[in-house]
Amino acid sequence: MKRVRLSREASREQTQQRLLAAAQSVIAKKGLAATSVEDIAAAAGYTRGAFYSNFRGKGDLFIELLRRDHRQAHEAMSEILVADLQPEQLEQRVRQMYGQLYRSNEGFMNWTEARMLAARDAKFRSKLNALMLEKRDFIAAFIVHFYQRVDVPPPTAPAELAMGLMSLVEGVKLFRLSSPQDMTAPAAESILTLFIDSLIRLARLRASEKRQS
């Protein structure tokens, strides 16, 4: 079979994705500070020159790695928003999605690395904060969508609920990474789905009260 020659744009995209995939694994294992450009390039099967042809530096690649992970989560949530699901179906999809958040240790390790770097580096902090606010706002929009479907207002500001959920997910995952014998995968998923179920039950109760009034 004749090998298809990639266009320049497609070849560049392929190189970038391989570098990002390699960086996710290497940085999760060694930490950002201990990971060199050469480490990432070698893990992806490229040279240092290939790295700098695609990224200005390690920090530039790292923020793009976080953006890629954010886009993937955004796409998964967008699929639910446009599916026009009934409330019961929407509830089930939300449980499944949030019960399994950050199941990938490598992805979560990189976000944790980013949090630590942001605490020490003001320039990086501004970039990460912009990304985190975008994530918060999208989750808040998702919360608004859910409460509109059940026809009751949310119990507090959607942005606050979004930040609470993000904090819970990160805390549970961090606990699991440091104490896996205590915070097992089933326990982690149970805690996260319990939080979601509590919000859903409250929404149902308020909707029932509204219909009876």
C-alpha atoms as a PDB file:
ATOM      1  CA  MET A   1       0.000   0.000   0.000  1.00  0.00           C
ATOM      2  CA  LYS A   2       1.322   3.389  -1.005  1.00  0.00           C
ATOM      3  CA  ARG A   3       2.196   5.565   1.995  1.00  0.00           C
ATOM      4  CA  VAL A   4       0.231   8.812   2.105  1.00  0.00           C
ATOM      5  CA  ARG A   5       2.429  11.875   2.357  1.00  0.00           C
ATOM      6  CA  LEU A   6       1.228  14.304   4.999  1.00  0.00           C
ATOM      7  CA  SER A   7       0.850  17.986   4.210  1.00  0.00           C
ATOM      8  CA  ARG A   8       3.136  20.388   6.049  1.00  0.00           C
ATOM      9  CA  GLU A   9       0.290  21.405   8.353  1.00  0.00           C
ATOM     10  CA  ALA A  10      -0.696  17.801   9.092  1.00  0.00           C
ATOM     11  CA  SER A  11       2.932  16.823   9.709  1.00  0.00           C
ATOM     12  CA  ARG A  12       3.386  19.744  12.096  1.00  0.00           C
ATOM     13  CA  GLU A  13       0.198  18.832  13.950  1.00  0.00           C
ATOM     14  CA  GLN A  14       1.346  15.221  14.259  1.00  0.00           C
ATOM     15  CA  THR A  15       4.712  16.319  15.648  1.00  0.00           C
ATOM     16  CA  GLN A  16       3.077  18.637  18.164  1.00  0.00           C
ATOM     17  CA  GLN A  17       0.679  15.939  19.372  1.00  0.00           C
ATOM     18  CA  ARG A  18       3.516  13.446  19.820  1.00  0.00           C
ATOM     19  CA  LEU A  19       5.540  15.993  21.768  1.00  0.00           C
ATOM     20  CA  LEU A  20       2.538  16.777  23.970  1.00  0.00           C
ATOM     21  CA  ALA A  21       1.816  13.089  24.608  1.00  0.00           C
ATOM     22  CA  ALA A  22       5.454  12.492  25.523  1.00  0.00           C
ATOM     23  CA  ALA A  23       5.521  15.579  27.754  1.00  0.00           C
ATOM     24  CA  GLN A  24       2.438  14.466  29.667  1.00  0.00           C
ATOM     25  CA  SER A  25       4.090  11.179  30.591  1.00  0.00           C
ATOM     26  CA  VAL A  26       7.572  12.530  31.315  1.00  0.00           C
ATOM     27  CA  ILE A  27       6.446  15.562  33.338  1.00  0.00           C
ATOM     28  CA  ALA A  28       4.042  13.437  35.396  1.00  0.00           C
ATOM     29  CA  LYS A  29       6.930  11.107  36.227  1.00  0.00           C
ATOM     30  CA  LYS A  30       9.770  13.580  36.813  1.00  0.00           C
ATOM     31  CA  GLY A  31       8.108  16.921  37.481  1.00  0.00           C
ATOM     32  CA  LEU A  32       8.366  20.005  35.280  1.00  0.00           C
ATOM     33  CA  ALA A  33      11.570  21.394  36.790  1.00  0.00           C
ATOM     34  CA  ALA A  34      13.451  18.103  36.414  1.00  0.00           C
ATOM     35  CA  THR A  35      12.214  17.530  32.854  1.00  0.00           C
ATOM     36  CA  SER A  36      14.373  18.941  30.082  1.00  0.00           C
ATOM     37  CA  VAL A  37      13.484  19.799  26.512  1.00  0.00           C
ATOM     38  CA  GLU A  38      15.768  16.953  25.486  1.00  0.00           C
ATOM     39  CA  ASP A  39      13.827  14.528  27.697  1.00  0.00           C
ATOM     40  CA  ILE A  40      10.569  15.421  25.980  1.00  0.00           C
ATOM     41  CA  ALA A  41      12.016  15.390  22.476  1.00  0.00           C
ATOM     42  CA  ALA A  42      13.720  12.036  23.009  1.00  0.00           C
ATOM     43  CA  ALA A  43      10.561  10.459  24.461  1.00  0.00           C
ATOM     44  CA  ALA A  44       8.635  11.611  21.382  1.00  0.00           C
ATOM     45  CA  GLY A  45      11.355  10.382  19.007  1.00  0.00           C
ATOM     46  CA  TYR A  46      12.460  13.845  17.861  1.00  0.00           C
ATOM     47  CA  THR A  47      15.448  16.149  18.195  1.00  0.00           C
ATOM     48  CA  ARG A  48      15.805  19.316  20.244  1.00  0.00           C
ATOM     49  CA  GLY A  49      15.483  21.267  16.997  1.00  0.00           C
ATOM     50  CA  ALA A  50      12.120  19.663  16.260  1.00  0.00           C
ATOM     51  CA  PHE A  51      10.923  20.718  19.692  1.00  0.00           C
ATOM     52  CA  TYR A  52      11.839  24.365  19.158  1.00  0.00           C
ATOM     53  CA  SER A  53      10.274  24.302  15.704  1.00  0.00           C
ATOM     54  CA  ASN A  54       6.931  23.718  17.419  1.00  0.00           C
ATOM     55  CA  PHE A  55       7.183  25.325  20.854  1.00  0.00           C
ATOM     56  CA  ARG A  56       9.027  28.367  22.171  1.00  0.00           C
ATOM     57  CA  GLY A  57      10.030  26.539  25.309  1.00  0.00           C
ATOM     58  CA  LYS A  58       9.060  24.080  28.002  1.00  0.00           C
ATOM     59  CA  GLY A  59       6.622  26.494  29.624  1.00  0.00           C
ATOM     60  CA  ASP A  60       4.897  27.149  26.293  1.00  0.00           C
ATOM     61  CA  LEU A  61       4.468  23.418  25.756  1.00  0.00           C
ATOM     62  CA  PHE A  62       3.239  22.885  29.310  1.00  0.00           C
ATOM     63  CA  ILE A  63       0.413  25.421  29.062  1.00  0.00           C
ATOM     64  CA  GLU A  64      -0.589  23.935  25.703  1.00  0.00           C
ATOM     65  CA  LEU A  65      -0.670  20.507  27.354  1.00  0.00           C
ATOM     66  CA  LEU A  66      -3.136  21.859  29.918  1.00  0.00           C
ATOM     67  CA  ARG A  67      -5.193  23.528  27.192  1.00  0.00           C
ATOM     68  CA  ARG A  68      -5.394  20.240  25.295  1.00  0.00           C
ATOM     69  CA  ASP A  69      -6.686  18.438  28.371  1.00  0.00           C
ATOM     70  CA  HIS A  70      -9.149  21.259  28.997  1.00  0.00           C
ATOM     71  CA  ARG A  71     -10.429  21.095  25.402  1.00  0.00           C
ATOM     72  CA  GLN A  72     -11.036  17.363  25.685  1.00  0.00           C
ATOM     73  CA  ALA A  73     -13.123  17.839  28.831  1.00  0.00           C
ATOM     74  CA  HIS A  74     -14.912  20.776  27.181  1.00  0.00           C
ATOM     75  CA  GLU A  75     -15.816  18.629  24.167  1.00  0.00           C
ATOM     76  CA  ALA A  76     -17.169  15.837  26.393  1.00  0.00           C
ATOM     77  CA  MET A  77     -19.399  18.280  28.252  1.00  0.00           C
ATOM     78  CA  SER A  78     -20.492  20.018  25.040  1.00  0.00           C
ATOM     79  CA  GLU A  79     -21.729  16.701  23.657  1.00  0.00           C
ATOM     80  CA  ILE A  80     -24.063  16.408  26.641  1.00  0.00           C
ATOM     81  CA  LEU A  81     -25.284  20.002  26.329  1.00  0.00           C
ATOM     82  CA  VAL A  82     -26.270  19.660  22.661  1.00  0.00           C
ATOM     83  CA  ALA A  83     -27.835  16.213  23.053  1.00  0.00           C
ATOM     84  CA  ASP A  84     -31.169  17.661  24.294  1.00  0.00           C
ATOM     85  CA  LEU A  85     -31.475  14.950  26.947  1.00  0.00           C
ATOM     86  CA  GLN A  86     -34.401  14.484  29.283  1.00  0.00           C
ATOM     87  CA  PRO A  87     -33.631  15.411  32.930  1.00  0.00           C
ATOM     88  CA  GLU A  88     -33.237  11.750  33.957  1.00  0.00           C
ATOM     89  CA  GLN A  89     -30.851  11.051  31.076  1.00  0.00           C
ATOM     90  CA  LEU A  90     -28.929  14.241  31.810  1.00  0.00           C
ATOM     91  CA  GLU A  91     -28.541  13.215  35.445  1.00  0.00           C
ATOM     92  CA  GLN A  92     -27.117   9.836  34.469  1.00  0.00           C
ATOM     93  CA  ARG A  93     -24.605  11.319  32.044  1.00  0.00           C
ATOM     94  CA  VAL A  94     -23.489  13.883  34.625  1.00  0.00           C
ATOM     95  CA  ARG A  95     -22.973  11.158  37.253  1.00  0.00           C
ATOM     96  CA  GLN A  96     -20.880   9.101  34.850  1.00  0.00           C
ATOM     97  CA  MET A  97     -18.764  12.044  33.751  1.00  0.00           C
ATOM     98  CA  TYR A  98     -17.995  13.484  37.180  1.00  0.00           C
ATOM     99  CA  GLY A  99     -17.612  10.130  38.863  1.00  0.00           C
ATOM    100  CA  GLN A 100     -14.674   9.402  36.582  1.00  0.00           C
ATOM    101  CA  LEU A 101     -13.000  12.811  36.403  1.00  0.00           C
ATOM    102  CA  TYR A 102      -9.201  12.784  36.615  1.00  0.00           C
ATOM    103  CA  ARG A 103      -9.142   8.998  36.375  1.00  0.00           C
ATOM    104  CA  SER A 104      -5.890   9.510  34.450  1.00  0.00           C
ATOM    105  CA  ASN A 105      -3.096   9.972  36.990  1.00  0.00           C
ATOM    106  CA  GLU A 106      -0.799  11.570  34.426  1.00  0.00           C
ATOM    107  CA  GLY A 107      -3.327  14.250  33.545  1.00  0.00           C
ATOM    108  CA  PHE A 108      -4.013  15.067  37.175  1.00  0.00           C
ATOM    109  CA  MET A 109      -0.318  15.105  38.060  1.00  0.00           C
ATOM    110  CA  ASN A 110       0.212  17.747  35.396  1.00  0.00           C
ATOM    111  CA  TRP A 111      -2.611  19.901  36.741  1.00  0.00           C
ATOM    112  CA  THR A 112      -1.182  19.571  40.243  1.00  0.00           C
ATOM    113  CA  GLU A 113       2.239  20.536  38.884  1.00  0.00           C
ATOM    114  CA  ALA A 114       0.618  23.569  37.278  1.00  0.00           C
ATOM    115  CA  ARG A 115      -0.967  24.620  40.573  1.00  0.00           C
ATOM    116  CA  MET A 116       2.383  24.479  42.353  1.00  0.00           C
ATOM    117  CA  LEU A 117       4.135  26.388  39.575  1.00  0.00           C
ATOM    118  CA  ALA A 118       1.417  29.069  39.613  1.00  0.00           C
ATOM    119  CA  ALA A 119       1.975  29.578  43.351  1.00  0.00           C
ATOM    120  CA  ARG A 120       5.614  30.463  42.657  1.00  0.00           C
ATOM    121  CA  ASP A 121       5.497  32.115  39.213  1.00  0.00           C
ATOM    122  CA  ALA A 122       3.220  35.149  38.764  1.00  0.00           C
ATOM    123  CA  LYS A 123       3.534  35.120  34.973  1.00  0.00           C
ATOM    124  CA  PHE A 124       2.506  31.492  34.726  1.00  0.00           C
ATOM    125  CA  ARG A 125      -0.202  32.092  37.338  1.00  0.00           C
ATOM    126  CA  SER A 126      -1.963  34.581  35.076  1.00  0.00           C
ATOM    127  CA  LYS A 127      -2.004  32.049  32.220  1.00  0.00           C
ATOM    128  CA  LEU A 128      -3.277  29.224  34.415  1.00  0.00           C
ATOM    129  CA  ASN A 129      -5.900  31.435  36.068  1.00  0.00           C
ATOM    130  CA  ALA A 130      -7.299  32.373  32.660  1.00  0.00           C
ATOM    131  CA  LEU A 131      -7.609  28.696  31.812  1.00  0.00           C
ATOM    132  CA  MET A 132      -9.165  27.823  35.180  1.00  0.00           C
ATOM    133  CA  LEU A 133     -11.704  30.642  34.903  1.00  0.00           C
ATOM    134  CA  GLU A 134     -12.655  29.377  31.471  1.00  0.00           C
ATOM    135  CA  LYS A 135     -13.145  25.908  32.932  1.00  0.00           C
ATOM    136  CA  ARG A 136     -15.161  27.307  35.852  1.00  0.00           C
ATOM    137  CA  ASP A 137     -17.395  29.331  33.564  1.00  0.00           C
ATOM    138  CA  PHE A 138     -18.093  26.372  31.300  1.00  0.00           C
ATOM    139  CA  ILE A 139     -19.001  24.148  34.261  1.00  0.00           C
ATOM    140  CA  ALA A 140     -21.197  26.972  35.576  1.00  0.00           C
ATOM    141  CA  ALA A 141     -22.967  27.119  32.200  1.00  0.00           C
ATOM    142  CA  PHE A 142     -23.496  23.381  32.447  1.00  0.00           C
ATOM    143  CA  ILE A 143     -25.018  23.829  35.914  1.00  0.00           C
ATOM    144  CA  VAL A 144     -27.328  26.558  34.610  1.00  0.00           C
ATOM    145  CA  HIS A 145     -28.415  24.233  31.793  1.00  0.00           C
ATOM    146  CA  PHE A 146     -29.269  21.461  34.242  1.00  0.00           C
ATOM    147  CA  TYR A 147     -31.332  23.663  36.547  1.00  0.00           C
ATOM    148  CA  GLN A 148     -33.152  25.161  33.587  1.00  0.00           C
ATOM    149  CA  ARG A 149     -34.135  21.654  32.517  1.00  0.00           C
ATOM    150  CA  VAL A 150     -35.661  20.903  35.928  1.00  0.00           C
ATOM    151  CA  ASP A 151     -37.156  24.416  36.020  1.00  0.00           C
ATOM    152  CA  VAL A 152     -35.770  25.588  39.375  1.00  0.00           C
ATOM    153  CA  PRO A 153     -33.008  28.069  40.242  1.00  0.00           C
ATOM    154  CA  PRO A 154     -29.678  26.692  41.506  1.00  0.00           C
ATOM    155  CA  PRO A 155     -29.187  26.774  45.331  1.00  0.00           C
ATOM    156  CA  THR A 156     -26.328  29.268  45.012  1.00  0.00           C
ATOM    157  CA  ALA A 157     -24.397  31.083  42.286  1.00  0.00           C
ATOM    158  CA  PRO A 158     -23.453  28.639  39.487  1.00  0.00           C
ATOM    159  CA  ALA A 159     -19.848  29.901  39.519  1.00  0.00           C
ATOM    160  CA  GLU A 160     -19.591  29.055  43.230  1.00  0.00           C
ATOM    161  CA  LEU A 161     -21.032  25.581  42.652  1.00  0.00           C
ATOM    162  CA  ALA A 162     -18.555  25.083  39.810  1.00  0.00           C
ATOM    163  CA  MET A 163     -15.595  26.053  41.994  1.00  0.00           C
ATOM    164  CA  GLY A 164     -16.838  23.793  44.765  1.00  0.00           C
ATOM    165  CA  LEU A 165     -17.097  20.854  42.405  1.00  0.00           C
ATOM    166  CA  MET A 166     -13.660  21.519  40.905  1.00  0.00           C
ATOM    167  CA  SER A 167     -12.136  21.729  44.390  1.00  0.00           C
ATOM    168  CA  LEU A 168     -13.817  18.507  45.507  1.00  0.00           C
ATOM    169  CA  VAL A 169     -12.612  16.607  42.445  1.00  0.00           C
ATOM    170  CA  GLU A 170      -9.037  17.803  42.881  1.00  0.00           C
ATOM    171  CA  GLY A 171      -9.043  17.084  46.616  1.00  0.00           C
ATOM    172  CA  VAL A 172     -10.377  13.548  46.195  1.00  0.00           C
ATOM    173  CA  LYS A 173      -7.867  12.775  43.458  1.00  0.00           C
ATOM    174  CA  LEU A 174      -4.951  14.199  45.455  1.00  0.00           C
ATOM    175  CA  PHE A 175      -5.970  12.080  48.439  1.00  0.00           C
ATOM    176  CA  ARG A 176      -6.107   9.027  46.188  1.00  0.00           C
ATOM    177  CA  LEU A 177      -2.636   9.671  44.780  1.00  0.00           C
ATOM    178  CA  SER A 178      -1.058  10.008  48.223  1.00  0.00           C
ATOM    179  CA  SER A 179      -3.112   7.338  50.030  1.00  0.00           C
ATOM    180  CA  PRO A 180      -4.377   4.849  47.430  1.00  0.00           C
ATOM    181  CA  GLN A 181      -4.931   2.176  50.069  1.00  0.00           C
ATOM    182  CA  ASP A 182      -7.444   4.412  51.853  1.00  0.00           C
ATOM    183  CA  MET A 183      -8.994   6.276  48.919  1.00  0.00           C
ATOM    184  CA  THR A 184      -9.676   3.487  46.448  1.00  0.00           C
ATOM    185  CA  ALA A 185     -11.038   4.139  42.943  1.00  0.00           C
ATOM    186  CA  PRO A 186     -14.555   2.958  43.915  1.00  0.00           C
ATOM    187  CA  ALA A 187     -14.481   5.172  47.014  1.00  0.00           C
ATOM    188  CA  ALA A 188     -13.390   8.191  44.978  1.00  0.00           C
ATOM    189  CA  GLU A 189     -16.147   7.675  42.422  1.00  0.00           C
ATOM    190  CA  SER A 190     -18.679   7.143  45.221  1.00  0.00           C
ATOM    191  CA  ILE A 191     -17.765  10.467  46.856  1.00  0.00           C
ATOM    192  CA  LEU A 192     -17.980  12.403  43.611  1.00  0.00           C
ATOM    193  CA  THR A 193     -21.279  10.878  42.547  1.00  0.00           C
ATOM    194  CA  LEU A 194     -22.672  11.471  46.044  1.00  0.00           C
ATOM    195  CA  PHE A 195     -22.010  15.188  45.635  1.00  0.00           C
ATOM    196  CA  ILE A 196     -23.734  15.205  42.247  1.00  0.00           C
ATOM    197  CA  ASP A 197     -26.632  13.134  43.554  1.00  0.00           C
ATOM    198  CA  SER A 198     -27.116  15.552  46.457  1.00  0.00           C
ATOM    199  CA  LEU A 199     -27.473  18.473  44.050  1.00  0.00           C
ATOM    200  CA  ILE A 200     -29.826  16.471  41.831  1.00  0.00           C
ATOM    201  CA  ARG A 201     -32.033  15.409  44.750  1.00  0.00           C
ATOM    202  CA  LEU A 202     -32.202  18.973  46.024  1.00  0.00           C
ATOM    203  CA  ALA A 203     -33.223  20.153  42.554  1.00  0.00           C
ATOM    204  CA  ARG A 204     -35.902  17.470  42.336  1.00  0.00           C
ATOM    205  CA  LEU A 205     -37.248  18.378  45.773  1.00  0.00           C
ATOM    206  CA  ARG A 206     -37.468  22.054  44.884  1.00  0.00           C
ATOM    207  CA  ALA A 207     -39.101  21.226  41.548  1.00  0.00           C
ATOM    208  CA  SER A 208     -41.684  19.060  43.335  1.00  0.00           C
ATOM    209  CA  GLU A 209     -42.413  21.826  45.845  1.00  0.00           C
ATOM    210  CA  LYS A 210     -42.791  24.299  42.996  1.00  0.00           C
ATOM    211  CA  ARG A 211     -45.347  22.095  41.210  1.00  0.00           C
ATOM    212  CA  GLN A 212     -47.371  21.615  44.400  1.00  0.00           C
ATOM    213  CA  SER A 213     -47.466  25.307  45.290  1.00  0.00           C
END
